[in-house]
Amino acid sequence: MKKTITNLLFLIGILSFTALMSCDEDLENCTGCPDDAPYGTIDGGCYATLSDCENNESGNCVICQ
């Protein structure tokens, strides 16, 4: 029983890690930015241009509408 629980926890850990690492920033979407400032990050602000966003958010920008 202990080995089964350990294996289950290990599998959950691997699946969680895989889910987090498989996100491609170019394909991620976030919501909340207006049409006149469509670029942003998942937890950051909204910017009118991609270059402004990359300068302020360390290059982790996506279309955030």
N, C-alpha and C. Protein backbone atom coordinates (compact mmCIF):
# COMPACT_ATOMS: atom_id res chain seq x y z
N MET A 1 0.82 -1.20 0.00
CA MET A 1 0.00 0.00 0.00
C MET A 1 0.86 1.26 0.00
N LYS A 2 1.92 1.24 0.80
CA LYS A 2 2.82 2.40 0.87
C LYS A 2 3.49 2.65 -0.48
N LYS A 3 3.86 1.56 -1.17
CA LYS A 3 4.49 1.69 -2.48
C LYS A 3 3.50 2.27 -3.49
N THR A 4 2.24 1.90 -3.42
CA THR A 4 1.21 2.41 -4.32
C THR A 4 1.02 3.91 -4.12
N ILE A 5 0.96 4.34 -2.88
CA ILE A 5 0.80 5.77 -2.58
C ILE A 5 2.01 6.54 -3.07
N THR A 6 3.20 6.00 -2.85
CA THR A 6 4.42 6.66 -3.31
C THR A 6 4.43 6.78 -4.83
N ASN A 7 4.06 5.71 -5.51
CA ASN A 7 4.00 5.75 -6.98
C ASN A 7 2.97 6.75 -7.47
N LEU A 8 1.82 6.81 -6.81
CA LEU A 8 0.78 7.74 -7.19
C LEU A 8 1.24 9.18 -7.01
N LEU A 9 1.88 9.47 -5.89
CA LEU A 9 2.40 10.82 -5.65
C LEU A 9 3.48 11.18 -6.66
N PHE A 10 4.34 10.23 -7.00
CA PHE A 10 5.37 10.46 -8.00
C PHE A 10 4.74 10.77 -9.35
N LEU A 11 3.72 10.01 -9.74
CA LEU A 11 3.03 10.25 -11.00
C LEU A 11 2.37 11.62 -11.03
N ILE A 12 1.72 12.00 -9.94
CA ILE A 12 1.10 13.32 -9.85
C ILE A 12 2.16 14.42 -9.98
N GLY A 13 3.29 14.24 -9.34
CA GLY A 13 4.38 15.21 -9.44
C GLY A 13 4.90 15.35 -10.86
N ILE A 14 5.09 14.24 -11.54
CA ILE A 14 5.58 14.26 -12.93
C ILE A 14 4.56 14.94 -13.84
N LEU A 15 3.29 14.62 -13.68
CA LEU A 15 2.26 15.23 -14.51
C LEU A 15 2.15 16.73 -14.26
N SER A 16 2.27 17.14 -13.02
CA SER A 16 2.23 18.57 -12.70
C SER A 16 3.42 19.30 -13.32
N PHE A 17 4.59 18.73 -13.19
CA PHE A 17 5.79 19.33 -13.76
C PHE A 17 5.68 19.42 -15.27
N THR A 18 5.20 18.37 -15.90
CA THR A 18 5.04 18.35 -17.35
C THR A 18 4.05 19.42 -17.81
N ALA A 19 2.96 19.55 -17.09
CA ALA A 19 1.95 20.55 -17.46
C ALA A 19 2.52 21.95 -17.36
N LEU A 20 3.30 22.22 -16.34
CA LEU A 20 3.88 23.55 -16.18
C LEU A 20 4.95 23.83 -17.22
N MET A 21 5.75 22.85 -17.56
CA MET A 21 6.86 23.05 -18.49
C MET A 21 6.42 22.97 -19.94
N SER A 22 5.24 22.44 -20.23
CA SER A 22 4.83 22.29 -21.62
C SER A 22 4.19 23.54 -22.18
N CYS A 23 3.97 24.55 -21.37
CA CYS A 23 3.34 25.78 -21.85
C CYS A 23 4.33 26.54 -22.72
N ASP A 24 3.93 26.81 -23.92
CA ASP A 24 4.73 27.61 -24.84
C ASP A 24 4.23 29.04 -24.74
N GLU A 25 5.12 29.97 -24.43
CA GLU A 25 4.71 31.35 -24.20
C GLU A 25 4.01 31.97 -25.40
N ASP A 26 4.37 31.57 -26.60
CA ASP A 26 3.73 32.12 -27.78
C ASP A 26 2.28 31.65 -27.91
N LEU A 27 1.93 30.55 -27.26
CA LEU A 27 0.59 30.02 -27.37
C LEU A 27 -0.27 30.31 -26.15
N GLU A 28 0.33 30.83 -25.10
CA GLU A 28 -0.44 31.13 -23.90
C GLU A 28 -1.36 32.31 -24.16
N ASN A 29 -2.48 32.30 -23.53
CA ASN A 29 -3.41 33.41 -23.63
C ASN A 29 -3.73 33.90 -22.23
N CYS A 30 -3.96 35.17 -22.12
CA CYS A 30 -4.45 35.73 -20.88
C CYS A 30 -5.57 36.68 -21.25
N THR A 31 -6.29 37.15 -20.28
CA THR A 31 -7.42 38.03 -20.56
C THR A 31 -7.31 39.27 -19.70
N GLY A 32 -8.00 40.29 -20.12
CA GLY A 32 -8.08 41.49 -19.31
C GLY A 32 -7.47 42.73 -19.91
N CYS A 33 -6.71 42.63 -20.99
CA CYS A 33 -6.13 43.82 -21.59
C CYS A 33 -7.09 44.41 -22.62
N PRO A 34 -7.17 45.74 -22.70
CA PRO A 34 -8.07 46.38 -23.66
C PRO A 34 -7.50 46.32 -25.09
N ASP A 35 -8.32 46.66 -26.05
CA ASP A 35 -7.91 46.62 -27.46
C ASP A 35 -6.76 47.57 -27.77
N ASP A 36 -6.68 48.69 -27.06
CA ASP A 36 -5.61 49.65 -27.35
C ASP A 36 -4.30 49.31 -26.64
N ALA A 37 -4.29 48.30 -25.79
CA ALA A 37 -3.07 47.83 -25.12
C ALA A 37 -3.14 46.31 -25.03
N PRO A 38 -3.01 45.61 -26.16
CA PRO A 38 -3.28 44.17 -26.17
C PRO A 38 -2.16 43.27 -25.65
N TYR A 39 -0.97 43.80 -25.46
CA TYR A 39 0.16 42.97 -25.05
C TYR A 39 0.31 42.97 -23.54
N GLY A 40 0.59 41.80 -22.99
CA GLY A 40 0.78 41.70 -21.56
C GLY A 40 1.31 40.34 -21.16
N THR A 41 1.37 40.11 -19.86
CA THR A 41 1.78 38.82 -19.32
C THR A 41 0.63 38.29 -18.47
N ILE A 42 0.74 37.03 -18.11
CA ILE A 42 -0.32 36.40 -17.34
C ILE A 42 -0.56 37.16 -16.03
N ASP A 43 0.48 37.56 -15.35
CA ASP A 43 0.33 38.26 -14.05
C ASP A 43 0.80 39.71 -14.09
N GLY A 44 1.03 40.25 -15.28
CA GLY A 44 1.58 41.60 -15.38
C GLY A 44 0.60 42.61 -15.91
N GLY A 45 1.15 43.72 -16.39
CA GLY A 45 0.33 44.80 -16.91
C GLY A 45 0.05 44.66 -18.38
N CYS A 46 -0.63 45.67 -18.93
CA CYS A 46 -0.99 45.71 -20.35
C CYS A 46 -0.21 46.83 -21.03
N TYR A 47 0.21 46.58 -22.28
CA TYR A 47 1.03 47.53 -23.02
C TYR A 47 0.53 47.67 -24.44
N ALA A 48 0.72 48.87 -25.01
CA ALA A 48 0.25 49.15 -26.36
C ALA A 48 1.12 48.46 -27.41
N THR A 49 2.42 48.31 -27.16
CA THR A 49 3.30 47.69 -28.14
C THR A 49 4.02 46.50 -27.52
N LEU A 50 4.40 45.57 -28.37
CA LEU A 50 5.13 44.40 -27.91
C LEU A 50 6.47 44.79 -27.31
N SER A 51 7.15 45.76 -27.91
CA SER A 51 8.46 46.16 -27.39
C SER A 51 8.35 46.79 -26.00
N ASP A 52 7.31 47.59 -25.75
CA ASP A 52 7.10 48.14 -24.41
C ASP A 52 6.88 47.03 -23.39
N CYS A 53 6.09 46.05 -23.79
CA CYS A 53 5.81 44.92 -22.91
C CYS A 53 7.08 44.14 -22.59
N GLU A 54 7.86 43.83 -23.63
CA GLU A 54 9.08 43.06 -23.42
C GLU A 54 10.09 43.82 -22.57
N ASN A 55 10.17 45.13 -22.72
CA ASN A 55 11.08 45.92 -21.92
C ASN A 55 10.70 45.93 -20.44
N ASN A 56 9.40 45.91 -20.17
CA ASN A 56 8.92 45.99 -18.79
C ASN A 56 8.64 44.63 -18.15
N GLU A 57 8.45 43.60 -18.95
CA GLU A 57 8.08 42.29 -18.42
C GLU A 57 9.11 41.20 -18.72
N SER A 58 10.30 41.55 -19.01
CA SER A 58 11.40 40.59 -19.25
C SER A 58 11.13 39.63 -20.41
N GLY A 59 10.42 40.09 -21.42
CA GLY A 59 10.23 39.30 -22.62
C GLY A 59 9.23 38.17 -22.51
N ASN A 60 8.37 38.16 -21.52
CA ASN A 60 7.39 37.10 -21.36
C ASN A 60 6.01 37.52 -21.85
N CYS A 61 5.94 38.23 -22.95
CA CYS A 61 4.69 38.84 -23.39
C CYS A 61 3.92 37.99 -24.39
N VAL A 62 2.60 38.11 -24.31
CA VAL A 62 1.68 37.45 -25.22
C VAL A 62 0.53 38.41 -25.50
N ILE A 63 -0.29 38.08 -26.49
CA ILE A 63 -1.51 38.83 -26.71
C ILE A 63 -2.44 38.51 -25.55
N CYS A 64 -2.92 39.54 -24.89
CA CYS A 64 -3.62 39.35 -23.62
C CYS A 64 -5.01 39.96 -23.67
N GLN A 65 -5.86 39.44 -24.54
CA GLN A 65 -7.22 39.98 -24.66
C GLN A 65 -8.25 38.93 -24.33
